[in-house]
Amino acid sequence: MLKLKIKVGSYYELKLNDGHKITFAVMYGFDSGKNKDVYALRMYTDEKDFEFPIKKHLFDKWVDEGRIKEMTWDEALAYAI
């Protein structure tokens, strides 16, 4: 099985330690320069949505821990609605 990689324009589900799940989209990322390997995530919760930066190594850590699942656009839309 291939290791999941962070991709701009993709949707993911993150499992938290308490069992909650958060859906997020990767809005954009930087491949070079001062902000190399920094991505902007748009997270959707039951009450609001917000954007924040994440470094690639943190996403890779979540993958290694088995906390990330890639989603389709329609699964993410159903979650957000």
N, C-alpha and C. Protein backbone atom coordinates (compact mmCIF):
# COMPACT_ATOMS: atom_id res chain seq x y z
N MET A 1 0.84 -1.19 0.00
CA MET A 1 0.00 0.00 0.00
C MET A 1 0.88 1.25 0.00
N LEU A 2 0.51 2.21 -0.80
CA LEU A 2 1.27 3.45 -0.89
C LEU A 2 0.99 4.35 0.30
N LYS A 3 2.02 5.07 0.72
CA LYS A 3 1.86 6.02 1.81
C LYS A 3 1.08 7.24 1.30
N LEU A 4 0.10 7.66 2.06
CA LEU A 4 -0.72 8.82 1.73
C LEU A 4 0.13 10.08 1.78
N LYS A 5 0.01 10.93 0.75
CA LYS A 5 0.76 12.19 0.70
C LYS A 5 -0.21 13.35 0.66
N ILE A 6 0.22 14.47 1.18
CA ILE A 6 -0.60 15.67 1.17
C ILE A 6 -0.63 16.24 -0.25
N LYS A 7 -1.84 16.57 -0.72
CA LYS A 7 -2.00 17.10 -2.07
C LYS A 7 -2.95 18.29 -2.04
N VAL A 8 -2.55 19.34 -2.71
CA VAL A 8 -3.40 20.52 -2.83
C VAL A 8 -4.66 20.12 -3.60
N GLY A 9 -5.81 20.57 -3.10
CA GLY A 9 -7.09 20.26 -3.73
C GLY A 9 -7.72 18.96 -3.27
N SER A 10 -7.11 18.29 -2.30
CA SER A 10 -7.66 17.04 -1.79
C SER A 10 -8.35 17.25 -0.45
N TYR A 11 -9.20 16.29 -0.09
CA TYR A 11 -9.97 16.33 1.15
C TYR A 11 -9.54 15.15 2.03
N TYR A 12 -9.48 15.40 3.34
CA TYR A 12 -9.03 14.38 4.28
C TYR A 12 -9.90 14.41 5.54
N GLU A 13 -9.90 13.29 6.24
CA GLU A 13 -10.56 13.19 7.54
C GLU A 13 -9.48 12.90 8.57
N LEU A 14 -9.47 13.66 9.65
CA LEU A 14 -8.51 13.49 10.74
C LEU A 14 -9.24 12.97 11.96
N LYS A 15 -8.77 11.84 12.50
CA LYS A 15 -9.34 11.30 13.73
C LYS A 15 -8.58 11.88 14.92
N LEU A 16 -9.30 12.48 15.84
CA LEU A 16 -8.69 13.02 17.05
C LEU A 16 -8.61 11.93 18.11
N ASN A 17 -7.83 12.18 19.16
CA ASN A 17 -7.64 11.18 20.21
C ASN A 17 -8.94 10.84 20.94
N ASP A 18 -9.88 11.79 21.02
CA ASP A 18 -11.13 11.54 21.73
C ASP A 18 -12.21 10.91 20.85
N GLY A 19 -11.84 10.53 19.63
CA GLY A 19 -12.79 9.87 18.75
C GLY A 19 -13.50 10.78 17.77
N HIS A 20 -13.42 12.08 17.96
CA HIS A 20 -14.04 13.02 17.02
C HIS A 20 -13.28 12.99 15.70
N LYS A 21 -13.99 13.35 14.64
CA LYS A 21 -13.38 13.42 13.32
C LYS A 21 -13.57 14.83 12.76
N ILE A 22 -12.53 15.32 12.10
CA ILE A 22 -12.57 16.64 11.48
C ILE A 22 -12.23 16.47 10.00
N THR A 23 -13.02 17.07 9.16
CA THR A 23 -12.76 17.05 7.72
C THR A 23 -12.02 18.33 7.35
N PHE A 24 -11.03 18.19 6.46
CA PHE A 24 -10.33 19.38 5.99
C PHE A 24 -9.94 19.23 4.53
N ALA A 25 -9.75 20.38 3.91
CA ALA A 25 -9.29 20.46 2.53
C ALA A 25 -7.94 21.15 2.51
N VAL A 26 -7.08 20.75 1.60
CA VAL A 26 -5.79 21.41 1.42
C VAL A 26 -5.98 22.47 0.35
N MET A 27 -5.91 23.73 0.74
CA MET A 27 -6.20 24.84 -0.16
C MET A 27 -5.02 25.21 -1.05
N TYR A 28 -3.83 25.31 -0.49
CA TYR A 28 -2.65 25.63 -1.28
C TYR A 28 -1.40 25.28 -0.48
N GLY A 29 -0.28 25.22 -1.15
CA GLY A 29 0.98 24.89 -0.50
C GLY A 29 2.15 25.54 -1.20
N PHE A 30 3.28 25.55 -0.53
CA PHE A 30 4.49 26.15 -1.06
C PHE A 30 5.55 25.07 -1.20
N ASP A 31 6.19 25.00 -2.37
CA ASP A 31 7.22 24.00 -2.62
C ASP A 31 8.64 24.55 -2.45
N SER A 32 8.76 25.87 -2.40
CA SER A 32 10.09 26.45 -2.28
C SER A 32 10.01 27.77 -1.51
N GLY A 33 11.16 28.33 -1.26
CA GLY A 33 11.21 29.62 -0.56
C GLY A 33 11.12 29.49 0.94
N LYS A 34 10.82 30.60 1.57
CA LYS A 34 10.79 30.70 3.03
C LYS A 34 9.76 29.75 3.66
N ASN A 35 8.61 29.58 3.01
CA ASN A 35 7.54 28.73 3.56
C ASN A 35 7.49 27.35 2.93
N LYS A 36 8.64 26.81 2.56
CA LYS A 36 8.70 25.50 1.90
C LYS A 36 8.01 24.44 2.76
N ASP A 37 7.21 23.60 2.10
CA ASP A 37 6.49 22.49 2.75
C ASP A 37 5.46 22.95 3.78
N VAL A 38 4.92 24.15 3.58
CA VAL A 38 3.82 24.64 4.42
C VAL A 38 2.56 24.64 3.56
N TYR A 39 1.48 24.12 4.11
CA TYR A 39 0.21 24.02 3.40
C TYR A 39 -0.87 24.72 4.21
N ALA A 40 -1.87 25.24 3.51
CA ALA A 40 -3.01 25.88 4.18
C ALA A 40 -4.17 24.90 4.18
N LEU A 41 -4.67 24.58 5.36
CA LEU A 41 -5.81 23.68 5.51
C LEU A 41 -7.05 24.47 5.82
N ARG A 42 -8.15 24.04 5.29
CA ARG A 42 -9.46 24.60 5.62
C ARG A 42 -10.19 23.50 6.35
N MET A 43 -10.44 23.68 7.64
CA MET A 43 -11.09 22.65 8.46
C MET A 43 -12.55 22.98 8.65
N TYR A 44 -13.35 21.93 8.69
CA TYR A 44 -14.78 22.05 8.87
C TYR A 44 -15.19 21.28 10.12
N THR A 45 -15.80 21.98 11.07
CA THR A 45 -16.32 21.33 12.27
C THR A 45 -17.84 21.48 12.27
N ASP A 46 -18.48 20.93 13.28
CA ASP A 46 -19.94 21.03 13.38
C ASP A 46 -20.42 22.47 13.51
N GLU A 47 -19.58 23.34 14.06
CA GLU A 47 -20.01 24.70 14.36
C GLU A 47 -19.42 25.78 13.45
N LYS A 48 -18.25 25.53 12.87
CA LYS A 48 -17.61 26.57 12.06
C LYS A 48 -16.56 25.95 11.15
N ASP A 49 -15.97 26.79 10.31
CA ASP A 49 -14.83 26.38 9.52
C ASP A 49 -13.74 27.45 9.66
N PHE A 50 -12.50 27.03 9.54
CA PHE A 50 -11.39 27.96 9.70
C PHE A 50 -10.19 27.45 8.91
N GLU A 51 -9.26 28.36 8.66
CA GLU A 51 -8.07 28.05 7.88
C GLU A 51 -6.83 28.21 8.75
N PHE A 52 -5.89 27.30 8.60
CA PHE A 52 -4.64 27.44 9.33
C PHE A 52 -3.51 26.73 8.59
N PRO A 53 -2.26 27.12 8.84
CA PRO A 53 -1.13 26.49 8.16
C PRO A 53 -0.70 25.20 8.85
N ILE A 54 -0.14 24.30 8.07
CA ILE A 54 0.41 23.05 8.61
C ILE A 54 1.68 22.72 7.84
N LYS A 55 2.64 22.17 8.52
CA LYS A 55 3.87 21.73 7.86
C LYS A 55 3.71 20.28 7.42
N LYS A 56 4.37 19.96 6.33
CA LYS A 56 4.26 18.63 5.73
C LYS A 56 4.62 17.53 6.73
N HIS A 57 5.63 17.74 7.56
CA HIS A 57 6.07 16.69 8.49
C HIS A 57 4.98 16.35 9.52
N LEU A 58 4.12 17.32 9.89
CA LEU A 58 3.03 17.03 10.81
C LEU A 58 1.97 16.16 10.12
N PHE A 59 1.65 16.48 8.88
CA PHE A 59 0.72 15.64 8.12
C PHE A 59 1.27 14.22 8.00
N ASP A 60 2.56 14.08 7.68
CA ASP A 60 3.18 12.76 7.57
C ASP A 60 3.12 12.01 8.90
N LYS A 61 3.26 12.72 10.01
CA LYS A 61 3.16 12.10 11.33
C LYS A 61 1.75 11.54 11.55
N TRP A 62 0.72 12.33 11.17
CA TRP A 62 -0.66 11.86 11.29
C TRP A 62 -0.89 10.62 10.44
N VAL A 63 -0.30 10.59 9.24
CA VAL A 63 -0.43 9.42 8.36
C VAL A 63 0.20 8.20 9.03
N ASP A 64 1.41 8.37 9.56
CA ASP A 64 2.12 7.28 10.23
C ASP A 64 1.33 6.74 11.43
N GLU A 65 0.60 7.61 12.11
CA GLU A 65 -0.21 7.21 13.26
C GLU A 65 -1.54 6.61 12.85
N GLY A 66 -1.86 6.62 11.56
CA GLY A 66 -3.12 6.07 11.07
C GLY A 66 -4.32 6.96 11.36
N ARG A 67 -4.11 8.25 11.48
CA ARG A 67 -5.19 9.17 11.84
C ARG A 67 -5.80 9.89 10.64
N ILE A 68 -5.25 9.70 9.43
CA ILE A 68 -5.70 10.41 8.24
C ILE A 68 -6.32 9.43 7.25
N LYS A 69 -7.44 9.86 6.67
CA LYS A 69 -8.10 9.10 5.60
C LYS A 69 -8.44 10.09 4.50
N GLU A 70 -8.09 9.75 3.24
CA GLU A 70 -8.44 10.63 2.13
C GLU A 70 -9.92 10.46 1.83
N MET A 71 -10.58 11.56 1.47
CA MET A 71 -12.02 11.57 1.20
C MET A 71 -12.26 12.04 -0.23
N THR A 72 -13.44 11.71 -0.75
CA THR A 72 -13.86 12.25 -2.03
C THR A 72 -14.55 13.58 -1.78
N TRP A 73 -14.75 14.36 -2.84
CA TRP A 73 -15.38 15.67 -2.68
C TRP A 73 -16.80 15.54 -2.17
N ASP A 74 -17.52 14.48 -2.58
CA ASP A 74 -18.92 14.35 -2.14
C ASP A 74 -19.01 13.91 -0.68
N GLU A 75 -18.06 13.15 -0.18
CA GLU A 75 -18.03 12.81 1.24
C GLU A 75 -17.76 14.07 2.08
N ALA A 76 -16.84 14.91 1.61
CA ALA A 76 -16.54 16.15 2.33
C ALA A 76 -17.72 17.10 2.33
N LEU A 77 -18.42 17.18 1.19
CA LEU A 77 -19.59 18.03 1.10
C LEU A 77 -20.69 17.56 2.05
N ALA A 78 -20.93 16.27 2.09
CA ALA A 78 -21.94 15.71 3.00
C ALA A 78 -21.60 16.01 4.45
N TYR A 79 -20.32 15.95 4.80
CA TYR A 79 -19.89 16.25 6.16
C TYR A 79 -20.13 17.72 6.49
N ALA A 80 -19.78 18.61 5.55
CA ALA A 80 -19.91 20.05 5.78
C ALA A 80 -21.36 20.49 5.89
N ILE A 81 -22.24 19.81 5.19
CA ILE A 81 -23.67 20.18 5.21
C ILE A 81 -24.27 19.66 6.49
